[in-house]
């Protein structure tokens, strides 16, 4: 119970009012021409990022999928050594964004993405970038809705996979592990899959015979499969030179702030219908 301007308002009253107003807000967001107006008017290149966060519901743990359309002006072209040092002057902030989320299957979320694409007047061609992690459903939706666009695997997810493989090969904290992590990072940024593929080929031959190296062979095999799957999304050097983003941080942050802080509270369990 809290007092505001002499009025006592209980949590139950607030809950009921929220449930009463939520359908009106939902209808406004989904139908009002005011919602996409700023996005349509803004200048810049379109970026679409997608991800999902686990939410505890009365029907078990479910994926809440989230998508964000944004517009960003091209920044200053830089070399790979500046990949994590760019200031806002070098890489401008996103000027305007529209975010949407729902607990639903991939096919329904794809329709939602396409509906927002239409409302925001984002063409199926043009200067559109799609950024995300390695989840297959993200890239399937991108292709189904947009066809061929600029796809980029989030650099931090790629580096996590490189680091994870290094831990298996050399053990975390060793000199060999630190050398692996540093060398493969620059190889990835400079040439995508090409130089790392050569490195993995050499490792495969080193570990091919010994039984005790089975876990290392498997780590090399998994890393190769992961990077090869995304080899056309590893153009970090080109994107940096063009002044573009190489990370999907905005949607990662949304999963933590928009979803995590609100829905992943201790002991929370949600009605799916209330989350749609």
C-alpha atoms as a PDB file:
ATOM      1  CA  UNK A   1       0.000   0.000   0.000  1.00  0.00           C
ATOM      2  CA  UNK A   2       1.384   3.401  -0.999  1.00  0.00           C
ATOM      3  CA  UNK A   3       0.122   6.937  -0.549  1.00  0.00           C
ATOM      4  CA  UNK A   4       0.163   9.328  -3.525  1.00  0.00           C
ATOM      5  CA  UNK A   5      -1.254  12.861  -3.207  1.00  0.00           C
ATOM      6  CA  UNK A   6      -3.311  11.774  -0.234  1.00  0.00           C
ATOM      7  CA  UNK A   7      -4.728   8.711  -1.987  1.00  0.00           C
ATOM      8  CA  UNK A   8      -3.981   5.194  -0.837  1.00  0.00           C
ATOM      9  CA  UNK A   9      -3.475   2.802  -3.758  1.00  0.00           C
ATOM     10  CA  UNK A  10      -2.963  -0.915  -3.225  1.00  0.00           C
ATOM     11  CA  UNK A  11      -0.913  -3.268  -5.379  1.00  0.00           C
ATOM     12  CA  UNK A  12      -4.111  -5.106  -6.276  1.00  0.00           C
ATOM     13  CA  UNK A  13      -5.700  -1.896  -7.584  1.00  0.00           C
ATOM     14  CA  UNK A  14      -2.637  -1.190  -9.710  1.00  0.00           C
ATOM     15  CA  UNK A  15      -2.683  -4.761 -11.028  1.00  0.00           C
ATOM     16  CA  UNK A  16      -6.355  -4.519 -12.052  1.00  0.00           C
ATOM     17  CA  UNK A  17      -5.856  -1.151 -13.727  1.00  0.00           C
ATOM     18  CA  UNK A  18      -2.851  -2.460 -15.663  1.00  0.00           C
ATOM     19  CA  UNK A  19      -4.870  -5.430 -16.908  1.00  0.00           C
ATOM     20  CA  UNK A  20      -7.695  -3.080 -17.838  1.00  0.00           C
ATOM     21  CA  UNK A  21      -5.487  -0.665 -19.793  1.00  0.00           C
ATOM     22  CA  UNK A  22      -3.133  -3.225 -21.404  1.00  0.00           C
ATOM     23  CA  UNK A  23      -5.484  -4.149 -24.301  1.00  0.00           C
ATOM     24  CA  UNK A  24      -5.886  -0.463 -25.160  1.00  0.00           C
ATOM     25  CA  UNK A  25      -2.124   0.051 -25.194  1.00  0.00           C
ATOM     26  CA  UNK A  26      -1.654  -3.075 -27.306  1.00  0.00           C
ATOM     27  CA  UNK A  27      -4.233  -1.894 -29.828  1.00  0.00           C
ATOM     28  CA  UNK A  28      -2.634   1.550 -30.020  1.00  0.00           C
ATOM     29  CA  UNK A  29       0.840   0.103 -30.622  1.00  0.00           C
ATOM     30  CA  UNK A  30      -0.412  -2.286 -33.297  1.00  0.00           C
ATOM     31  CA  UNK A  31      -2.697   0.107 -35.188  1.00  0.00           C
ATOM     32  CA  UNK A  32      -1.863   3.766 -34.586  1.00  0.00           C
ATOM     33  CA  UNK A  33      -0.078   5.586 -37.444  1.00  0.00           C
ATOM     34  CA  UNK A  34       1.725   7.625 -34.769  1.00  0.00           C
ATOM     35  CA  UNK A  35       3.868   4.645 -33.706  1.00  0.00           C
ATOM     36  CA  UNK A  36       5.930   4.226 -36.919  1.00  0.00           C
ATOM     37  CA  UNK A  37       5.969   7.936 -37.837  1.00  0.00           C
ATOM     38  CA  UNK A  38       9.336   8.836 -36.265  1.00  0.00           C
ATOM     39  CA  UNK A  39      10.973   5.701 -37.636  1.00  0.00           C
ATOM     40  CA  UNK A  40       9.807   6.382 -41.176  1.00  0.00           C
ATOM     41  CA  UNK A  41      10.986   9.998 -41.006  1.00  0.00           C
ATOM     42  CA  UNK A  42      14.428   9.209 -39.582  1.00  0.00           C
ATOM     43  CA  UNK A  43      17.505   9.015 -41.780  1.00  0.00           C
ATOM     44  CA  UNK A  44      20.008   6.191 -41.684  1.00  0.00           C
ATOM     45  CA  UNK A  45      20.424   2.557 -42.642  1.00  0.00           C
ATOM     46  CA  UNK A  46      18.093  -0.064 -41.248  1.00  0.00           C
ATOM     47  CA  UNK A  47      19.369  -2.563 -38.665  1.00  0.00           C
ATOM     48  CA  UNK A  48      17.289  -5.502 -37.489  1.00  0.00           C
ATOM     49  CA  UNK A  49      18.353  -7.538 -34.475  1.00  0.00           C
ATOM     50  CA  UNK A  50      16.541 -10.518 -32.961  1.00  0.00           C
ATOM     51  CA  UNK A  51      17.020 -12.780 -29.969  1.00  0.00           C
ATOM     52  CA  UNK A  52      15.031 -14.712 -27.371  1.00  0.00           C
ATOM     53  CA  UNK A  53      14.970 -14.955 -23.571  1.00  0.00           C
ATOM     54  CA  UNK A  54      13.631 -17.790 -21.434  1.00  0.00           C
ATOM     55  CA  UNK A  55      10.617 -16.900 -19.289  1.00  0.00           C
ATOM     56  CA  UNK A  56       9.061 -19.062 -16.573  1.00  0.00           C
ATOM     57  CA  UNK A  57       5.332 -19.483 -17.336  1.00  0.00           C
ATOM     58  CA  UNK A  58       2.457 -21.569 -16.024  1.00  0.00           C
ATOM     59  CA  UNK A  59       3.087 -23.791 -19.061  1.00  0.00           C
ATOM     60  CA  UNK A  60       6.793 -24.203 -18.350  1.00  0.00           C
ATOM     61  CA  UNK A  61       9.812 -22.281 -19.594  1.00  0.00           C
ATOM     62  CA  UNK A  62       9.091 -20.545 -22.902  1.00  0.00           C
ATOM     63  CA  UNK A  63      11.078 -18.424 -25.330  1.00  0.00           C
ATOM     64  CA  UNK A  64      10.027 -14.807 -25.508  1.00  0.00           C
ATOM     65  CA  UNK A  65      11.264 -13.692 -28.910  1.00  0.00           C
ATOM     66  CA  UNK A  66      12.185 -10.060 -29.384  1.00  0.00           C
ATOM     67  CA  UNK A  67      12.933  -8.040 -32.494  1.00  0.00           C
ATOM     68  CA  UNK A  68      14.208  -4.488 -32.858  1.00  0.00           C
ATOM     69  CA  UNK A  69      14.185  -2.359 -35.994  1.00  0.00           C
ATOM     70  CA  UNK A  70      16.565   0.594 -35.809  1.00  0.00           C
ATOM     71  CA  UNK A  71      18.072   3.260 -38.042  1.00  0.00           C
ATOM     72  CA  UNK A  72      21.698   4.297 -37.773  1.00  0.00           C
ATOM     73  CA  UNK A  73      23.809   6.681 -39.860  1.00  0.00           C
ATOM     74  CA  UNK A  74      27.042   5.246 -41.209  1.00  0.00           C
ATOM     75  CA  UNK A  75      30.011   6.009 -39.007  1.00  0.00           C
ATOM     76  CA  UNK A  76      33.681   6.541 -39.656  1.00  0.00           C
ATOM     77  CA  UNK A  77      35.421   3.722 -41.478  1.00  0.00           C
ATOM     78  CA  UNK A  78      38.085   2.096 -39.295  1.00  0.00           C
ATOM     79  CA  UNK A  79      40.472  -0.836 -39.335  1.00  0.00           C
ATOM     80  CA  UNK A  80      39.978  -3.986 -37.288  1.00  0.00           C
ATOM     81  CA  UNK A  81      42.201  -2.694 -34.474  1.00  0.00           C
ATOM     82  CA  UNK A  82      39.375  -0.272 -33.595  1.00  0.00           C
ATOM     83  CA  UNK A  83      36.656  -2.922 -33.458  1.00  0.00           C
ATOM     84  CA  UNK A  84      35.992  -2.357 -29.727  1.00  0.00           C
ATOM     85  CA  UNK A  85      37.279   1.225 -29.399  1.00  0.00           C
ATOM     86  CA  UNK A  86      34.859   3.216 -31.528  1.00  0.00           C
ATOM     87  CA  UNK A  87      33.375   6.312 -29.917  1.00  0.00           C
ATOM     88  CA  UNK A  88      29.933   7.708 -30.693  1.00  0.00           C
ATOM     89  CA  UNK A  89      31.570  10.052 -33.162  1.00  0.00           C
ATOM     90  CA  UNK A  90      33.056   7.052 -34.964  1.00  0.00           C
ATOM     91  CA  UNK A  91      29.923   4.896 -34.744  1.00  0.00           C
ATOM     92  CA  UNK A  92      26.753   6.971 -34.187  1.00  0.00           C
ATOM     93  CA  UNK A  93      24.037   5.705 -31.861  1.00  0.00           C
ATOM     94  CA  UNK A  94      20.867   4.302 -33.341  1.00  0.00           C
ATOM     95  CA  UNK A  95      18.630   7.316 -33.937  1.00  0.00           C
ATOM     96  CA  UNK A  96      15.259   5.624 -33.646  1.00  0.00           C
ATOM     97  CA  UNK A  97      14.081   2.115 -32.853  1.00  0.00           C
ATOM     98  CA  UNK A  98      10.922   0.067 -32.597  1.00  0.00           C
ATOM     99  CA  UNK A  99      10.950  -3.048 -30.416  1.00  0.00           C
ATOM    100  CA  UNK A 100       8.391  -5.847 -30.225  1.00  0.00           C
ATOM    101  CA  UNK A 101       8.252  -9.162 -28.395  1.00  0.00           C
ATOM    102  CA  UNK A 102       5.993 -12.147 -27.939  1.00  0.00           C
ATOM    103  CA  UNK A 103       5.874 -15.736 -26.738  1.00  0.00           C
ATOM    104  CA  UNK A 104       4.948 -17.592 -29.908  1.00  0.00           C
ATOM    105  CA  UNK A 105       6.255 -20.109 -32.384  1.00  0.00           C
ATOM    106  CA  UNK A 106       8.718 -19.098 -35.097  1.00  0.00           C
ATOM    107  CA  UNK A 107       6.067 -19.017 -37.839  1.00  0.00           C
ATOM    108  CA  UNK A 108       3.880 -16.545 -35.952  1.00  0.00           C
ATOM    109  CA  UNK A 109       6.828 -14.383 -34.967  1.00  0.00           C
ATOM    110  CA  UNK A 110       7.886 -14.305 -38.611  1.00  0.00           C
ATOM    111  CA  UNK A 111       4.473 -12.860 -39.485  1.00  0.00           C
ATOM    112  CA  UNK A 112       4.963 -10.291 -36.734  1.00  0.00           C
ATOM    113  CA  UNK A 113       8.349  -9.270 -38.139  1.00  0.00           C
ATOM    114  CA  UNK A 114       6.858  -8.954 -41.607  1.00  0.00           C
ATOM    115  CA  UNK A 115       3.945  -6.886 -40.299  1.00  0.00           C
ATOM    116  CA  UNK A 116       6.350  -4.452 -38.632  1.00  0.00           C
ATOM    117  CA  UNK A 117       8.483  -4.368 -41.777  1.00  0.00           C
ATOM    118  CA  UNK A 118       5.413  -3.235 -43.678  1.00  0.00           C
ATOM    119  CA  UNK A 119       4.303  -0.685 -41.066  1.00  0.00           C
ATOM    120  CA  UNK A 120       7.790   0.820 -40.856  1.00  0.00           C
ATOM    121  CA  UNK A 121       8.043   0.897 -44.652  1.00  0.00           C
ATOM    122  CA  UNK A 122      11.217  -1.157 -44.681  1.00  0.00           C
ATOM    123  CA  UNK A 123      11.620  -2.597 -48.157  1.00  0.00           C
ATOM    124  CA  UNK A 124      12.591  -6.170 -48.906  1.00  0.00           C
ATOM    125  CA  UNK A 125      15.682  -4.731 -50.609  1.00  0.00           C
ATOM    126  CA  UNK A 126      17.983  -1.843 -49.875  1.00  0.00           C
ATOM    127  CA  UNK A 127      20.620  -1.133 -47.245  1.00  0.00           C
ATOM    128  CA  UNK A 128      19.376  -3.433 -44.506  1.00  0.00           C
ATOM    129  CA  UNK A 129      21.587  -5.149 -41.946  1.00  0.00           C
ATOM    130  CA  UNK A 130      20.508  -8.136 -39.877  1.00  0.00           C
ATOM    131  CA  UNK A 131      22.556  -8.908 -36.767  1.00  0.00           C
ATOM    132  CA  UNK A 132      22.116 -11.792 -34.364  1.00  0.00           C
ATOM    133  CA  UNK A 133      23.655 -14.774 -32.648  1.00  0.00           C
ATOM    134  CA  UNK A 134      23.936 -18.271 -34.082  1.00  0.00           C
ATOM    135  CA  UNK A 135      20.294 -19.299 -33.584  1.00  0.00           C
ATOM    136  CA  UNK A 136      18.991 -20.767 -36.830  1.00  0.00           C
ATOM    137  CA  UNK A 137      15.435 -19.450 -36.389  1.00  0.00           C
ATOM    138  CA  UNK A 138      16.710 -15.850 -36.563  1.00  0.00           C
ATOM    139  CA  UNK A 139      18.362 -16.280 -39.943  1.00  0.00           C
ATOM    140  CA  UNK A 140      15.453 -18.313 -41.310  1.00  0.00           C
ATOM    141  CA  UNK A 141      13.084 -15.444 -40.512  1.00  0.00           C
ATOM    142  CA  UNK A 142      15.472 -12.902 -42.037  1.00  0.00           C
ATOM    143  CA  UNK A 143      15.604 -14.789 -45.325  1.00  0.00           C
ATOM    144  CA  UNK A 144      11.869 -15.464 -45.416  1.00  0.00           C
ATOM    145  CA  UNK A 145      10.943 -11.806 -44.787  1.00  0.00           C
ATOM    146  CA  UNK A 146      13.735  -9.938 -46.574  1.00  0.00           C
ATOM    147  CA  UNK A 147      15.491 -12.334 -48.910  1.00  0.00           C
ATOM    148  CA  UNK A 148      19.128 -11.337 -49.319  1.00  0.00           C
ATOM    149  CA  UNK A 149      20.340  -8.612 -46.945  1.00  0.00           C
ATOM    150  CA  UNK A 150      23.586  -7.858 -45.128  1.00  0.00           C
ATOM    151  CA  UNK A 151      23.841 -10.545 -42.428  1.00  0.00           C
ATOM    152  CA  UNK A 152      26.313 -10.284 -39.544  1.00  0.00           C
ATOM    153  CA  UNK A 153      26.983 -12.769 -36.768  1.00  0.00           C
ATOM    154  CA  UNK A 154      27.351 -10.902 -33.484  1.00  0.00           C
ATOM    155  CA  UNK A 155      31.099 -10.588 -32.931  1.00  0.00           C
ATOM    156  CA  UNK A 156      30.896 -11.371 -29.217  1.00  0.00           C
ATOM    157  CA  UNK A 157      29.092 -14.675 -29.801  1.00  0.00           C
ATOM    158  CA  UNK A 158      31.744 -15.627 -32.360  1.00  0.00           C
ATOM    159  CA  UNK A 159      34.537 -14.753 -29.939  1.00  0.00           C
ATOM    160  CA  UNK A 160      32.851 -16.794 -27.192  1.00  0.00           C
ATOM    161  CA  UNK A 161      32.993 -19.862 -29.430  1.00  0.00           C
ATOM    162  CA  UNK A 162      36.666 -19.278 -30.174  1.00  0.00           C
ATOM    163  CA  UNK A 163      37.395 -18.883 -26.474  1.00  0.00           C
ATOM    164  CA  UNK A 164      35.408 -21.997 -25.574  1.00  0.00           C
ATOM    165  CA  UNK A 165      37.377 -24.089 -28.052  1.00  0.00           C
ATOM    166  CA  UNK A 166      40.644 -22.682 -26.704  1.00  0.00           C
ATOM    167  CA  UNK A 167      39.703 -23.799 -23.192  1.00  0.00           C
ATOM    168  CA  UNK A 168      39.300 -27.373 -24.406  1.00  0.00           C
ATOM    169  CA  UNK A 169      42.516 -27.362 -26.425  1.00  0.00           C
ATOM    170  CA  UNK A 170      44.819 -25.595 -23.977  1.00  0.00           C
ATOM    171  CA  UNK A 171      42.959 -25.040 -20.670  1.00  0.00           C
ATOM    172  CA  UNK A 172      41.933 -21.603 -19.473  1.00  0.00           C
ATOM    173  CA  UNK A 173      44.651 -19.498 -17.873  1.00  0.00           C
ATOM    174  CA  UNK A 174      47.570 -21.077 -19.708  1.00  0.00           C
ATOM    175  CA  UNK A 175      49.922 -19.160 -21.972  1.00  0.00           C
ATOM    176  CA  UNK A 176      48.827 -21.324 -24.906  1.00  0.00           C
ATOM    177  CA  UNK A 177      45.176 -20.473 -24.288  1.00  0.00           C
ATOM    178  CA  UNK A 178      45.861 -16.722 -24.182  1.00  0.00           C
ATOM    179  CA  UNK A 179      47.868 -16.970 -27.404  1.00  0.00           C
ATOM    180  CA  UNK A 180      45.022 -18.902 -29.078  1.00  0.00           C
ATOM    181  CA  UNK A 181      42.405 -16.403 -27.964  1.00  0.00           C
ATOM    182  CA  UNK A 182      44.402 -13.408 -29.179  1.00  0.00           C
ATOM    183  CA  UNK A 183      45.509 -14.929 -32.490  1.00  0.00           C
ATOM    184  CA  UNK A 184      42.103 -16.301 -33.486  1.00  0.00           C
ATOM    185  CA  UNK A 185      40.376 -13.022 -32.562  1.00  0.00           C
ATOM    186  CA  UNK A 186      42.457 -11.080 -35.079  1.00  0.00           C
ATOM    187  CA  UNK A 187      42.192 -13.817 -37.683  1.00  0.00           C
ATOM    188  CA  UNK A 188      38.406 -13.712 -37.375  1.00  0.00           C
ATOM    189  CA  UNK A 189      38.242  -9.922 -37.601  1.00  0.00           C
ATOM    190  CA  UNK A 190      40.631  -9.710 -40.537  1.00  0.00           C
ATOM    191  CA  UNK A 191      39.549 -12.613 -42.715  1.00  0.00           C
ATOM    192  CA  UNK A 192      36.410 -14.210 -41.321  1.00  0.00           C
ATOM    193  CA  UNK A 193      36.554 -17.983 -41.691  1.00  0.00           C
ATOM    194  CA  UNK A 194      39.511 -18.218 -44.087  1.00  0.00           C
ATOM    195  CA  UNK A 195      42.550 -18.116 -41.751  1.00  0.00           C
ATOM    196  CA  UNK A 196      40.788 -19.921 -38.924  1.00  0.00           C
ATOM    197  CA  UNK A 197      39.825 -22.706 -41.305  1.00  0.00           C
ATOM    198  CA  UNK A 198      43.511 -23.209 -42.130  1.00  0.00           C
ATOM    199  CA  UNK A 199      44.312 -23.293 -38.423  1.00  0.00           C
ATOM    200  CA  UNK A 200      41.568 -25.857 -37.781  1.00  0.00           C
ATOM    201  CA  UNK A 201      42.816 -28.022 -40.640  1.00  0.00           C
ATOM    202  CA  UNK A 202      46.259 -28.146 -39.022  1.00  0.00           C
ATOM    203  CA  UNK A 203      44.789 -28.970 -35.620  1.00  0.00           C
ATOM    204  CA  UNK A 204      42.636 -31.740 -37.054  1.00  0.00           C
ATOM    205  CA  UNK A 205      45.730 -33.466 -38.423  1.00  0.00           C
ATOM    206  CA  UNK A 206      47.555 -33.083 -35.100  1.00  0.00           C
ATOM    207  CA  UNK A 207      44.737 -34.624 -33.064  1.00  0.00           C
ATOM    208  CA  UNK A 208      43.536 -37.254 -35.535  1.00  0.00           C
ATOM    209  CA  UNK A 209      45.220 -40.381 -34.133  1.00  0.00           C
ATOM    210  CA  UNK A 210      45.448 -40.222 -30.354  1.00  0.00           C
ATOM    211  CA  UNK A 211      42.473 -41.552 -28.356  1.00  0.00           C
ATOM    212  CA  UNK A 212      43.147 -39.094 -25.519  1.00  0.00           C
ATOM    213  CA  UNK A 213      42.601 -36.210 -27.939  1.00  0.00           C
ATOM    214  CA  UNK A 214      38.995 -37.128 -28.726  1.00  0.00           C
ATOM    215  CA  UNK A 215      37.594 -34.151 -26.799  1.00  0.00           C
ATOM    216  CA  UNK A 216      39.940 -31.829 -28.693  1.00  0.00           C
ATOM    217  CA  UNK A 217      38.942 -33.300 -32.038  1.00  0.00           C
ATOM    218  CA  UNK A 218      35.296 -32.787 -31.120  1.00  0.00           C
ATOM    219  CA  UNK A 219      35.936 -29.173 -30.079  1.00  0.00           C
ATOM    220  CA  UNK A 220      37.676 -28.467 -33.388  1.00  0.00           C
ATOM    221  CA  UNK A 221      34.868 -30.163 -35.308  1.00  0.00           C
ATOM    222  CA  UNK A 222      32.168 -28.126 -33.532  1.00  0.00           C
ATOM    223  CA  UNK A 223      33.982 -24.821 -34.042  1.00  0.00           C
ATOM    224  CA  UNK A 224      34.485 -25.589 -37.705  1.00  0.00           C
ATOM    225  CA  UNK A 225      30.795 -26.410 -38.129  1.00  0.00           C
ATOM    226  CA  UNK A 226      29.709 -23.255 -36.303  1.00  0.00           C
ATOM    227  CA  UNK A 227      31.939 -20.863 -38.250  1.00  0.00           C
ATOM    228  CA  UNK A 228      31.383 -22.577 -41.582  1.00  0.00           C
ATOM    229  CA  UNK A 229      27.617 -22.269 -41.104  1.00  0.00           C
ATOM    230  CA  UNK A 230      28.052 -18.519 -40.590  1.00  0.00           C
ATOM    231  CA  UNK A 231      31.005 -17.898 -42.925  1.00  0.00           C
ATOM    232  CA  UNK A 232      28.989 -15.437 -45.041  1.00  0.00           C
ATOM    233  CA  UNK A 233      28.157 -13.481 -41.868  1.00  0.00           C
ATOM    234  CA  UNK A 234      31.753 -12.894 -40.772  1.00  0.00           C
ATOM    235  CA  UNK A 235      32.597  -9.832 -42.869  1.00  0.00           C
ATOM    236  CA  UNK A 236      33.753  -7.781 -39.886  1.00  0.00           C
ATOM    237  CA  UNK A 237      36.637  -6.048 -41.655  1.00  0.00           C
ATOM    238  CA  UNK A 238      34.348  -4.828 -44.430  1.00  0.00           C
ATOM    239  CA  UNK A 239      31.656  -3.648 -42.018  1.00  0.00           C
ATOM    240  CA  UNK A 240      34.188  -1.777 -39.882  1.00  0.00           C
ATOM    241  CA  UNK A 241      35.626  -0.118 -42.988  1.00  0.00           C
ATOM    242  CA  UNK A 242      32.102   0.992 -43.975  1.00  0.00           C
ATOM    243  CA  UNK A 243      31.326   2.409 -40.529  1.00  0.00           C
ATOM    244  CA  UNK A 244      28.784  -0.252 -39.575  1.00  0.00           C
ATOM    245  CA  UNK A 245      27.993  -2.112 -36.365  1.00  0.00           C
ATOM    246  CA  UNK A 246      29.293  -5.662 -35.882  1.00  0.00           C
ATOM    247  CA  UNK A 247      27.415  -6.516 -32.691  1.00  0.00           C
ATOM    248  CA  UNK A 248      23.802  -7.127 -31.724  1.00  0.00           C
ATOM    249  CA  UNK A 249      24.176  -5.473 -28.341  1.00  0.00           C
ATOM    250  CA  UNK A 250      20.876  -3.584 -28.455  1.00  0.00           C
ATOM    251  CA  UNK A 251      18.788  -6.754 -28.524  1.00  0.00           C
ATOM    252  CA  UNK A 252      21.052  -8.453 -25.982  1.00  0.00           C
ATOM    253  CA  UNK A 253      20.463  -5.498 -23.685  1.00  0.00           C
ATOM    254  CA  UNK A 254      16.726  -5.623 -24.337  1.00  0.00           C
ATOM    255  CA  UNK A 255      16.639  -9.276 -23.286  1.00  0.00           C
ATOM    256  CA  UNK A 256      18.261  -8.301 -19.992  1.00  0.00           C
ATOM    257  CA  UNK A 257      16.458  -5.015 -19.310  1.00  0.00           C
ATOM    258  CA  UNK A 258      13.066  -5.217 -21.041  1.00  0.00           C
ATOM    259  CA  UNK A 259      12.525  -8.915 -20.304  1.00  0.00           C
ATOM    260  CA  UNK A 260      14.982 -10.092 -17.675  1.00  0.00           C
ATOM    261  CA  UNK A 261      14.510  -7.397 -15.023  1.00  0.00           C
ATOM    262  CA  UNK A 262      10.752  -7.439 -15.361  1.00  0.00           C
ATOM    263  CA  UNK A 263       9.936 -11.105 -15.883  1.00  0.00           C
ATOM    264  CA  UNK A 264      12.819 -13.051 -14.329  1.00  0.00           C
ATOM    265  CA  UNK A 265      12.188 -12.020 -10.765  1.00  0.00           C
ATOM    266  CA  UNK A 266      12.741 -14.620  -8.058  1.00  0.00           C
ATOM    267  CA  UNK A 267       9.783 -16.980  -7.879  1.00  0.00           C
ATOM    268  CA  UNK A 268       7.925 -15.299 -10.745  1.00  0.00           C
ATOM    269  CA  UNK A 269       5.719 -17.503 -12.907  1.00  0.00           C
ATOM    270  CA  UNK A 270       3.638 -15.901 -15.639  1.00  0.00           C
ATOM    271  CA  UNK A 271       0.422 -16.576 -17.495  1.00  0.00           C
ATOM    272  CA  UNK A 272       1.400 -16.811 -21.160  1.00  0.00           C
ATOM    273  CA  UNK A 273      -1.669 -14.887 -22.255  1.00  0.00           C
ATOM    274  CA  UNK A 274      -0.648 -11.966 -20.044  1.00  0.00           C
ATOM    275  CA  UNK A 275       2.722 -11.798 -21.786  1.00  0.00           C
ATOM    276  CA  UNK A 276       1.479 -11.693 -25.378  1.00  0.00           C
END
